[in-house]
Amino acid sequence: MNEQRLGPWPDLVTARSFLGFLAGIYPSFDFHSHNINMEQVASWLIGQGIGPYAYARCQTTCPELTTYLQVDAFSATAENSLHWQNLEQMIAEFAGAKIPVVLLKGAALAETVYGGRDQRTMSDVDLWLQQDDVQHACKLMRDLGFHTSEKEDRPLA
């Protein structure tokens, strides 16, 4: 295997062991017995969008790694707090209008899969509404200050 394909990992066994530890498959990972460049690993984790999760998972086992992940983790906390505040405001408005809503993706998985609201950034909030409620929900969201943003490759349903 070439080095580019393995990213920051010295070998495939080390990569699997570390990722297995992150996923909770292995209870521990001995960072000091592997030839790992912590800064490169942190950069790779951030690039994969799992820096905040790795920060939380590695705080007690590898504080050297979390030093490189700290800014990303704190940034995710700040960014997500805005999304959660907006989401709570929307849900309250929908509840007041008796519009049922189902959370999807990041918001739905934050606590159960990611282990907390601050461990994975959300770039948006995904909601599932009944067809008959979409127009009313859109109006409520516009009233709250939100606007429609369309993408050419993903037209509105």
C-alpha atoms as a PDB file:
ATOM      1  CA  MET A   1       0.000   0.000   0.000  1.00  0.00           C
ATOM      2  CA  ASN A   2       1.248   3.454  -0.710  1.00  0.00           C
ATOM      3  CA  GLU A   3       1.531   6.079   1.998  1.00  0.00           C
ATOM      4  CA  GLN A   4      -1.004   8.425   0.380  1.00  0.00           C
ATOM      5  CA  ARG A   5      -3.738   5.807   0.601  1.00  0.00           C
ATOM      6  CA  LEU A   6      -3.068   5.202   4.296  1.00  0.00           C
ATOM      7  CA  GLY A   7      -3.091   8.904   5.105  1.00  0.00           C
ATOM      8  CA  PRO A   8      -1.297   9.563   8.389  1.00  0.00           C
ATOM      9  CA  TRP A   9      -1.091   5.901   9.390  1.00  0.00           C
ATOM     10  CA  PRO A  10       2.235   4.023   9.413  1.00  0.00           C
ATOM     11  CA  ASP A  11       0.466   0.779   8.440  1.00  0.00           C
ATOM     12  CA  LEU A  12      -2.960  -0.739   7.939  1.00  0.00           C
ATOM     13  CA  VAL A  13      -2.982  -2.552  11.297  1.00  0.00           C
ATOM     14  CA  THR A  14      -2.428   0.732  13.156  1.00  0.00           C
ATOM     15  CA  ALA A  15      -5.158   2.454  11.149  1.00  0.00           C
ATOM     16  CA  ARG A  16      -7.652  -0.341  11.825  1.00  0.00           C
ATOM     17  CA  SER A  17      -6.771  -0.487  15.511  1.00  0.00           C
ATOM     18  CA  PHE A  18      -7.170   3.247  16.000  1.00  0.00           C
ATOM     19  CA  LEU A  19     -10.398   3.466  14.005  1.00  0.00           C
ATOM     20  CA  GLY A  20     -11.718   0.416  15.886  1.00  0.00           C
ATOM     21  CA  PHE A  21     -10.951   2.243  19.123  1.00  0.00           C
ATOM     22  CA  LEU A  22     -12.756   5.370  17.890  1.00  0.00           C
ATOM     23  CA  ALA A  23     -15.771   3.285  16.892  1.00  0.00           C
ATOM     24  CA  GLY A  24     -15.867   1.614  20.308  1.00  0.00           C
ATOM     25  CA  ILE A  25     -14.981  -1.819  18.942  1.00  0.00           C
ATOM     26  CA  TYR A  26     -11.744  -1.880  20.940  1.00  0.00           C
ATOM     27  CA  PRO A  27     -11.711  -0.585  24.515  1.00  0.00           C
ATOM     28  CA  SER A  28      -8.280   1.020  24.185  1.00  0.00           C
ATOM     29  CA  PHE A  29      -5.510   2.023  21.825  1.00  0.00           C
ATOM     30  CA  ASP A  30      -1.905   2.384  22.916  1.00  0.00           C
ATOM     31  CA  PHE A  31      -0.872   5.587  21.178  1.00  0.00           C
ATOM     32  CA  HIS A  32       2.711   5.398  22.396  1.00  0.00           C
ATOM     33  CA  SER A  33       3.494   1.967  20.951  1.00  0.00           C
ATOM     34  CA  HIS A  34       2.742   3.126  17.391  1.00  0.00           C
ATOM     35  CA  ASN A  35       4.755   5.493  15.245  1.00  0.00           C
ATOM     36  CA  ILE A  36       2.012   8.107  14.871  1.00  0.00           C
ATOM     37  CA  ASN A  37       2.414  11.774  14.039  1.00  0.00           C
ATOM     38  CA  MET A  38      -0.329  13.255  16.240  1.00  0.00           C
ATOM     39  CA  GLU A  39      -0.601  16.466  14.220  1.00  0.00           C
ATOM     40  CA  GLN A  40      -1.106  14.542  10.970  1.00  0.00           C
ATOM     41  CA  VAL A  41      -3.668  12.228  12.554  1.00  0.00           C
ATOM     42  CA  ALA A  42      -5.552  15.226  13.962  1.00  0.00           C
ATOM     43  CA  SER A  43      -5.528  16.927  10.568  1.00  0.00           C
ATOM     44  CA  TRP A  44      -6.866  13.742   8.961  1.00  0.00           C
ATOM     45  CA  LEU A  45      -9.618  13.386  11.598  1.00  0.00           C
ATOM     46  CA  ILE A  46     -10.671  17.001  11.095  1.00  0.00           C
ATOM     47  CA  GLY A  47     -10.708  16.481   7.327  1.00  0.00           C
ATOM     48  CA  GLN A  48     -13.015  13.491   7.802  1.00  0.00           C
ATOM     49  CA  GLY A  49     -15.398  15.628   9.899  1.00  0.00           C
ATOM     50  CA  ILE A  50     -14.814  13.591  13.062  1.00  0.00           C
ATOM     51  CA  GLY A  51     -12.396  15.843  14.922  1.00  0.00           C
ATOM     52  CA  PRO A  52     -14.896  16.758  17.669  1.00  0.00           C
ATOM     53  CA  TYR A  53     -15.869  13.115  18.163  1.00  0.00           C
ATOM     54  CA  ALA A  54     -12.217  12.029  18.326  1.00  0.00           C
ATOM     55  CA  TYR A  55     -11.522  14.867  20.769  1.00  0.00           C
ATOM     56  CA  ALA A  56     -14.183  13.557  23.153  1.00  0.00           C
ATOM     57  CA  ARG A  57     -13.142   9.926  22.702  1.00  0.00           C
ATOM     58  CA  CYS A  58      -9.396  10.548  23.199  1.00  0.00           C
ATOM     59  CA  GLN A  59      -9.407  13.099  26.032  1.00  0.00           C
ATOM     60  CA  THR A  60      -8.308  10.669  28.720  1.00  0.00           C
ATOM     61  CA  THR A  61      -6.328   8.232  26.570  1.00  0.00           C
ATOM     62  CA  CYS A  62      -4.285  10.652  24.478  1.00  0.00           C
ATOM     63  CA  PRO A  63      -4.206  14.280  25.606  1.00  0.00           C
ATOM     64  CA  GLU A  64      -1.416  14.959  23.078  1.00  0.00           C
ATOM     65  CA  LEU A  65      -3.813  14.231  20.210  1.00  0.00           C
ATOM     66  CA  THR A  66      -6.633  16.259  21.728  1.00  0.00           C
ATOM     67  CA  THR A  67      -4.340  19.306  21.851  1.00  0.00           C
ATOM     68  CA  TYR A  68      -4.483  19.352  18.053  1.00  0.00           C
ATOM     69  CA  LEU A  69      -8.239  18.686  17.988  1.00  0.00           C
ATOM     70  CA  GLN A  70      -9.311  21.214  20.612  1.00  0.00           C
ATOM     71  CA  VAL A  71      -9.972  24.176  18.292  1.00  0.00           C
ATOM     72  CA  ASP A  72     -12.068  22.017  15.956  1.00  0.00           C
ATOM     73  CA  ALA A  73     -14.046  20.606  18.891  1.00  0.00           C
ATOM     74  CA  PHE A  74     -14.731  24.023  20.401  1.00  0.00           C
ATOM     75  CA  SER A  75     -15.665  25.419  16.994  1.00  0.00           C
ATOM     76  CA  ALA A  76     -18.150  22.573  16.483  1.00  0.00           C
ATOM     77  CA  THR A  77     -19.707  23.291  19.875  1.00  0.00           C
ATOM     78  CA  ALA A  78     -20.211  26.960  18.999  1.00  0.00           C
ATOM     79  CA  GLU A  79     -21.535  26.238  15.510  1.00  0.00           C
ATOM     80  CA  ASN A  80     -23.876  23.516  16.681  1.00  0.00           C
ATOM     81  CA  SER A  81     -25.276  25.621  19.501  1.00  0.00           C
ATOM     82  CA  LEU A  82     -26.662  28.012  16.887  1.00  0.00           C
ATOM     83  CA  HIS A  83     -28.195  25.149  14.881  1.00  0.00           C
ATOM     84  CA  TRP A  84     -29.766  23.626  18.009  1.00  0.00           C
ATOM     85  CA  GLN A  85     -31.150  26.991  19.097  1.00  0.00           C
ATOM     86  CA  ASN A  86     -32.717  27.473  15.654  1.00  0.00           C
ATOM     87  CA  LEU A  87     -34.042  23.920  15.658  1.00  0.00           C
ATOM     88  CA  GLU A  88     -35.647  24.312  19.087  1.00  0.00           C
ATOM     89  CA  GLN A  89     -37.278  27.545  17.916  1.00  0.00           C
ATOM     90  CA  MET A  90     -38.641  25.845  14.776  1.00  0.00           C
ATOM     91  CA  ILE A  91     -39.936  22.844  16.697  1.00  0.00           C
ATOM     92  CA  ALA A  92     -41.721  25.120  19.167  1.00  0.00           C
ATOM     93  CA  GLU A  93     -43.379  27.000  16.288  1.00  0.00           C
ATOM     94  CA  PHE A  94     -44.382  23.756  14.572  1.00  0.00           C
ATOM     95  CA  ALA A  95     -45.774  22.364  17.828  1.00  0.00           C
ATOM     96  CA  GLY A  96     -47.804  25.551  18.342  1.00  0.00           C
ATOM     97  CA  ALA A  97     -49.210  25.164  14.821  1.00  0.00           C
ATOM     98  CA  LYS A  98     -49.782  21.428  15.381  1.00  0.00           C
ATOM     99  CA  ILE A  99     -47.393  20.484  12.565  1.00  0.00           C
ATOM    100  CA  PRO A 100     -45.742  17.105  13.214  1.00  0.00           C
ATOM    101  CA  VAL A 101     -42.049  16.987  12.324  1.00  0.00           C
ATOM    102  CA  VAL A 102     -39.438  14.247  12.213  1.00  0.00           C
ATOM    103  CA  LEU A 103     -35.763  15.100  12.678  1.00  0.00           C
ATOM    104  CA  LEU A 104     -33.402  13.542  10.149  1.00  0.00           C
ATOM    105  CA  LYS A 105     -29.661  12.977   9.837  1.00  0.00           C
ATOM    106  CA  GLY A 106     -27.398  14.955  12.204  1.00  0.00           C
ATOM    107  CA  ALA A 107     -30.076  16.296  14.518  1.00  0.00           C
ATOM    108  CA  ALA A 108     -31.722  12.884  14.831  1.00  0.00           C
ATOM    109  CA  LEU A 109     -28.435  11.038  15.386  1.00  0.00           C
ATOM    110  CA  ALA A 110     -26.564  13.515  17.589  1.00  0.00           C
ATOM    111  CA  GLU A 111     -27.235  11.958  20.972  1.00  0.00           C
ATOM    112  CA  THR A 112     -27.551   8.295  20.069  1.00  0.00           C
ATOM    113  CA  VAL A 113     -24.919   7.759  17.368  1.00  0.00           C
ATOM    114  CA  TYR A 114     -22.437  10.589  17.869  1.00  0.00           C
ATOM    115  CA  GLY A 115     -22.641  10.655  21.653  1.00  0.00           C
ATOM    116  CA  GLY A 116     -23.596  14.300  22.011  1.00  0.00           C
ATOM    117  CA  ARG A 117     -24.674  17.441  20.218  1.00  0.00           C
ATOM    118  CA  ASP A 118     -21.161  18.824  20.081  1.00  0.00           C
ATOM    119  CA  GLN A 119     -19.348  15.819  18.633  1.00  0.00           C
ATOM    120  CA  ARG A 120     -20.238  16.272  14.958  1.00  0.00           C
ATOM    121  CA  THR A 121     -20.862  19.507  13.137  1.00  0.00           C
ATOM    122  CA  MET A 122     -24.119  20.120  11.339  1.00  0.00           C
ATOM    123  CA  SER A 123     -24.127  22.401   8.323  1.00  0.00           C
ATOM    124  CA  ASP A 124     -27.908  22.467   8.282  1.00  0.00           C
ATOM    125  CA  VAL A 125     -30.967  20.959   9.909  1.00  0.00           C
ATOM    126  CA  ASP A 126     -32.974  18.334   8.033  1.00  0.00           C
ATOM    127  CA  LEU A 127     -36.676  17.945   8.749  1.00  0.00           C
ATOM    128  CA  TRP A 128     -39.339  15.630   7.388  1.00  0.00           C
ATOM    129  CA  LEU A 129     -42.843  17.066   7.153  1.00  0.00           C
ATOM    130  CA  GLN A 130     -46.122  15.814   5.800  1.00  0.00           C
ATOM    131  CA  GLN A 131     -46.841  17.127   2.305  1.00  0.00           C
ATOM    132  CA  ASP A 132     -49.935  19.020   3.473  1.00  0.00           C
ATOM    133  CA  ASP A 133     -47.900  20.901   6.117  1.00  0.00           C
ATOM    134  CA  VAL A 134     -44.997  22.069   3.949  1.00  0.00           C
ATOM    135  CA  GLN A 135     -46.458  25.424   2.883  1.00  0.00           C
ATOM    136  CA  HIS A 136     -47.518  26.351   6.414  1.00  0.00           C
ATOM    137  CA  ALA A 137     -44.162  25.226   7.826  1.00  0.00           C
ATOM    138  CA  CYS A 138     -42.296  27.298   5.216  1.00  0.00           C
ATOM    139  CA  LYS A 139     -44.337  30.348   6.152  1.00  0.00           C
ATOM    140  CA  LEU A 140     -43.590  29.841   9.841  1.00  0.00           C
ATOM    141  CA  MET A 141     -39.895  29.515   9.059  1.00  0.00           C
ATOM    142  CA  ARG A 142     -39.915  32.680   6.914  1.00  0.00           C
ATOM    143  CA  ASP A 143     -41.648  34.464   9.798  1.00  0.00           C
ATOM    144  CA  LEU A 144     -38.745  33.333  12.010  1.00  0.00           C
ATOM    145  CA  GLY A 145     -36.268  34.864   9.558  1.00  0.00           C
ATOM    146  CA  PHE A 146     -35.244  31.814   7.542  1.00  0.00           C
ATOM    147  CA  HIS A 147     -35.177  31.764   3.753  1.00  0.00           C
ATOM    148  CA  THR A 148     -35.271  29.146   1.019  1.00  0.00           C
ATOM    149  CA  SER A 149     -31.951  28.177  -0.491  1.00  0.00           C
ATOM    150  CA  GLU A 150     -32.119  26.104  -3.652  1.00  0.00           C
ATOM    151  CA  LYS A 151     -29.367  24.054  -5.235  1.00  0.00           C
ATOM    152  CA  GLU A 152     -29.497  23.253  -8.941  1.00  0.00           C
ATOM    153  CA  ASP A 153     -28.495  19.650  -8.355  1.00  0.00           C
ATOM    154  CA  ARG A 154     -31.163  19.244  -5.626  1.00  0.00           C
ATOM    155  CA  PRO A 155     -34.372  21.005  -6.643  1.00  0.00           C
ATOM    156  CA  LEU A 156     -37.108  21.450  -4.069  1.00  0.00           C
ATOM    157  CA  ALA A 157     -39.453  18.478  -3.888  1.00  0.00           C
END
